[in-house]
């Protein structure tokens, strides 16, 4: 088995070599995305979530009870 790795073939040609002695962070800006715990949400979002929960509860509990 040959253990060859070609970075250019994987789309990482512009990626610098790893240097454990260099602890500097990249100079690029962080991506413009956010995750749920940091995101703000509105009362409409809460209402939609509650409606989805009610549908899920109806499918999980009410539907089997009605069919038995």
N, C-alpha and C. Protein backbone atom coordinates (compact mmCIF):
# COMPACT_ATOMS: atom_id res chain seq x y z
N UNK A 1 0.85 -1.18 0.00
CA UNK A 1 0.00 0.00 0.00
C UNK A 1 0.89 1.24 0.00
N UNK A 2 0.61 2.12 -0.91
CA UNK A 2 1.38 3.34 -1.02
C UNK A 2 0.65 4.44 -0.27
N UNK A 3 1.38 5.14 0.59
CA UNK A 3 0.78 6.20 1.39
C UNK A 3 1.18 7.56 0.82
N UNK A 4 0.57 7.91 -0.30
CA UNK A 4 0.84 9.20 -0.93
C UNK A 4 -0.37 10.09 -0.76
N UNK A 5 -0.11 11.35 -0.56
CA UNK A 5 -1.20 12.29 -0.40
C UNK A 5 -0.93 13.51 -1.26
N UNK A 6 -1.85 13.80 -2.15
CA UNK A 6 -1.73 14.95 -3.03
C UNK A 6 -2.76 15.98 -2.62
N UNK A 7 -2.33 17.08 -1.96
CA UNK A 7 -3.27 18.10 -1.49
C UNK A 7 -4.05 18.75 -2.62
N UNK A 8 -3.41 18.97 -3.76
CA UNK A 8 -4.08 19.64 -4.86
C UNK A 8 -5.24 18.82 -5.38
N UNK A 9 -5.16 17.51 -5.28
CA UNK A 9 -6.23 16.65 -5.76
C UNK A 9 -7.47 16.75 -4.88
N UNK A 10 -7.30 17.21 -3.66
CA UNK A 10 -8.42 17.31 -2.72
C UNK A 10 -8.91 18.75 -2.54
N UNK A 11 -8.38 19.66 -3.31
CA UNK A 11 -8.84 21.04 -3.24
C UNK A 11 -8.23 21.84 -2.11
N UNK A 12 -7.10 21.40 -1.58
CA UNK A 12 -6.46 22.11 -0.46
C UNK A 12 -5.11 22.70 -0.88
N UNK A 13 -5.01 23.12 -2.12
CA UNK A 13 -3.74 23.64 -2.62
C UNK A 13 -3.34 24.93 -1.91
N UNK A 14 -4.31 25.75 -1.51
CA UNK A 14 -3.99 27.02 -0.87
C UNK A 14 -3.86 26.89 0.64
N UNK A 15 -3.96 25.70 1.16
CA UNK A 15 -3.88 25.46 2.60
C UNK A 15 -2.42 25.40 3.04
N UNK A 16 -2.03 26.18 4.07
CA UNK A 16 -0.64 26.15 4.50
C UNK A 16 -0.31 24.84 5.22
N UNK A 17 0.97 24.50 5.21
CA UNK A 17 1.42 23.30 5.93
C UNK A 17 1.22 23.50 7.43
N UNK A 18 0.93 22.40 8.12
CA UNK A 18 0.72 22.46 9.57
C UNK A 18 2.04 22.65 10.28
N UNK A 19 2.07 23.62 11.16
CA UNK A 19 3.26 23.88 11.95
C UNK A 19 2.84 23.98 13.42
N UNK A 20 3.10 22.94 14.23
CA UNK A 20 2.65 22.97 15.62
C UNK A 20 3.32 24.07 16.45
N UNK A 21 4.45 24.57 16.02
CA UNK A 21 5.11 25.65 16.77
C UNK A 21 4.44 26.99 16.51
N UNK A 22 3.72 27.13 15.41
CA UNK A 22 3.07 28.38 15.06
C UNK A 22 1.62 28.34 15.57
N UNK A 23 1.35 29.11 16.61
CA UNK A 23 0.02 29.10 17.22
C UNK A 23 -0.84 30.28 16.76
N UNK A 24 -0.40 31.02 15.74
CA UNK A 24 -1.16 32.18 15.25
C UNK A 24 -2.43 31.72 14.55
N UNK A 25 -3.50 32.46 14.78
CA UNK A 25 -4.76 32.16 14.11
C UNK A 25 -4.73 32.69 12.69
N UNK A 26 -5.52 32.13 11.80
CA UNK A 26 -5.57 32.65 10.42
C UNK A 26 -6.03 34.10 10.39
N UNK A 27 -5.60 34.82 9.38
CA UNK A 27 -5.95 36.24 9.30
C UNK A 27 -7.33 36.48 8.70
N UNK A 28 -7.96 35.45 8.15
CA UNK A 28 -9.28 35.61 7.53
C UNK A 28 -10.37 35.86 8.55
N UNK A 29 -11.44 36.47 8.08
CA UNK A 29 -12.58 36.73 8.95
C UNK A 29 -13.38 35.45 9.17
N UNK A 30 -14.07 35.34 10.30
CA UNK A 30 -14.89 34.15 10.52
C UNK A 30 -16.07 34.13 9.54
N UNK A 31 -16.62 32.95 9.27
CA UNK A 31 -17.75 32.88 8.35
C UNK A 31 -18.98 33.58 8.90
N UNK A 32 -19.81 34.07 8.01
CA UNK A 32 -21.02 34.79 8.42
C UNK A 32 -22.16 33.79 8.61
N UNK A 33 -22.11 33.04 9.67
CA UNK A 33 -23.16 32.09 10.01
C UNK A 33 -23.34 32.10 11.51
N UNK A 34 -24.46 31.61 11.96
CA UNK A 34 -24.68 31.52 13.39
C UNK A 34 -25.36 30.20 13.69
N UNK A 35 -25.23 29.76 14.90
CA UNK A 35 -25.87 28.52 15.31
C UNK A 35 -27.02 28.84 16.24
N UNK A 36 -27.90 27.89 16.46
CA UNK A 36 -29.14 28.12 17.18
C UNK A 36 -28.96 28.75 18.57
N UNK A 37 -28.04 28.30 19.39
CA UNK A 37 -27.97 28.90 20.73
C UNK A 37 -27.64 30.40 20.72
N UNK A 38 -26.94 30.86 19.69
CA UNK A 38 -26.60 32.27 19.63
C UNK A 38 -27.60 33.09 18.83
N UNK A 39 -28.47 32.42 18.09
CA UNK A 39 -29.42 33.14 17.23
C UNK A 39 -30.59 33.69 18.02
N UNK A 40 -31.07 34.85 17.58
CA UNK A 40 -32.28 35.39 18.17
C UNK A 40 -33.47 34.76 17.47
N UNK A 41 -34.56 34.59 18.17
CA UNK A 41 -35.77 34.05 17.56
C UNK A 41 -36.96 34.85 18.04
N UNK A 42 -37.99 34.86 17.20
CA UNK A 42 -39.18 35.67 17.47
C UNK A 42 -40.28 34.79 18.06
N UNK A 43 -41.35 35.43 18.49
CA UNK A 43 -42.49 34.68 19.02
C UNK A 43 -43.16 33.88 17.90
N UNK A 44 -43.02 34.33 16.65
CA UNK A 44 -43.52 33.54 15.52
C UNK A 44 -42.77 32.22 15.43
N UNK A 45 -41.44 32.26 15.60
CA UNK A 45 -40.64 31.04 15.58
C UNK A 45 -41.06 30.08 16.69
N UNK A 46 -41.36 30.62 17.86
CA UNK A 46 -41.83 29.80 18.97
C UNK A 46 -43.18 29.18 18.63
N UNK A 47 -44.07 29.95 18.03
CA UNK A 47 -45.37 29.44 17.64
C UNK A 47 -45.29 28.33 16.62
N UNK A 48 -44.42 28.48 15.63
CA UNK A 48 -44.23 27.44 14.62
C UNK A 48 -43.67 26.18 15.28
N UNK A 49 -42.72 26.34 16.17
CA UNK A 49 -42.17 25.19 16.88
C UNK A 49 -43.22 24.48 17.72
N UNK A 50 -44.07 25.24 18.37
CA UNK A 50 -45.14 24.65 19.18
C UNK A 50 -46.13 23.89 18.29
N UNK A 51 -46.47 24.45 17.13
CA UNK A 51 -47.38 23.77 16.21
C UNK A 51 -46.77 22.47 15.69
N UNK A 52 -45.49 22.49 15.39
CA UNK A 52 -44.80 21.27 14.94
C UNK A 52 -44.81 20.24 16.05
N UNK A 53 -44.61 20.67 17.30
CA UNK A 53 -44.64 19.75 18.43
C UNK A 53 -46.02 19.12 18.58
N UNK A 54 -47.09 19.92 18.42
CA UNK A 54 -48.44 19.38 18.53
C UNK A 54 -48.72 18.33 17.46
N UNK A 55 -48.28 18.57 16.25
CA UNK A 55 -48.45 17.59 15.18
C UNK A 55 -47.68 16.32 15.51
N UNK A 56 -46.48 16.45 16.01
CA UNK A 56 -45.69 15.29 16.39
C UNK A 56 -46.32 14.49 17.51
N UNK A 57 -46.85 15.17 18.52
CA UNK A 57 -47.54 14.48 19.62
C UNK A 57 -48.79 13.78 19.10
N UNK A 58 -49.51 14.43 18.21
CA UNK A 58 -50.71 13.81 17.65
C UNK A 58 -50.37 12.55 16.87
N UNK A 59 -49.30 12.59 16.11
CA UNK A 59 -48.89 11.40 15.34
C UNK A 59 -48.38 10.31 16.28
N UNK A 60 -47.62 10.68 17.28
CA UNK A 60 -46.99 9.69 18.15
C UNK A 60 -47.96 9.05 19.14
N UNK A 61 -48.96 9.80 19.62
CA UNK A 61 -49.84 9.27 20.66
C UNK A 61 -51.30 9.12 20.22
N UNK A 62 -51.85 10.16 19.67
CA UNK A 62 -53.28 10.13 19.33
C UNK A 62 -53.60 9.16 18.20
N UNK A 63 -52.81 9.15 17.16
CA UNK A 63 -53.06 8.28 16.02
C UNK A 63 -53.03 6.80 16.41
N UNK A 64 -52.06 6.31 17.18
CA UNK A 64 -52.10 4.91 17.58
C UNK A 64 -53.29 4.58 18.46
N UNK A 65 -53.69 5.50 19.33
CA UNK A 65 -54.85 5.25 20.20
C UNK A 65 -56.13 5.15 19.36
N UNK A 66 -56.27 6.00 18.35
CA UNK A 66 -57.45 5.98 17.48
C UNK A 66 -57.49 4.70 16.65
N UNK A 67 -56.34 4.22 16.21
CA UNK A 67 -56.29 3.04 15.35
C UNK A 67 -56.44 1.72 16.11
N UNK A 68 -56.33 1.72 17.44
CA UNK A 68 -56.44 0.46 18.21
C UNK A 68 -57.86 0.18 18.58
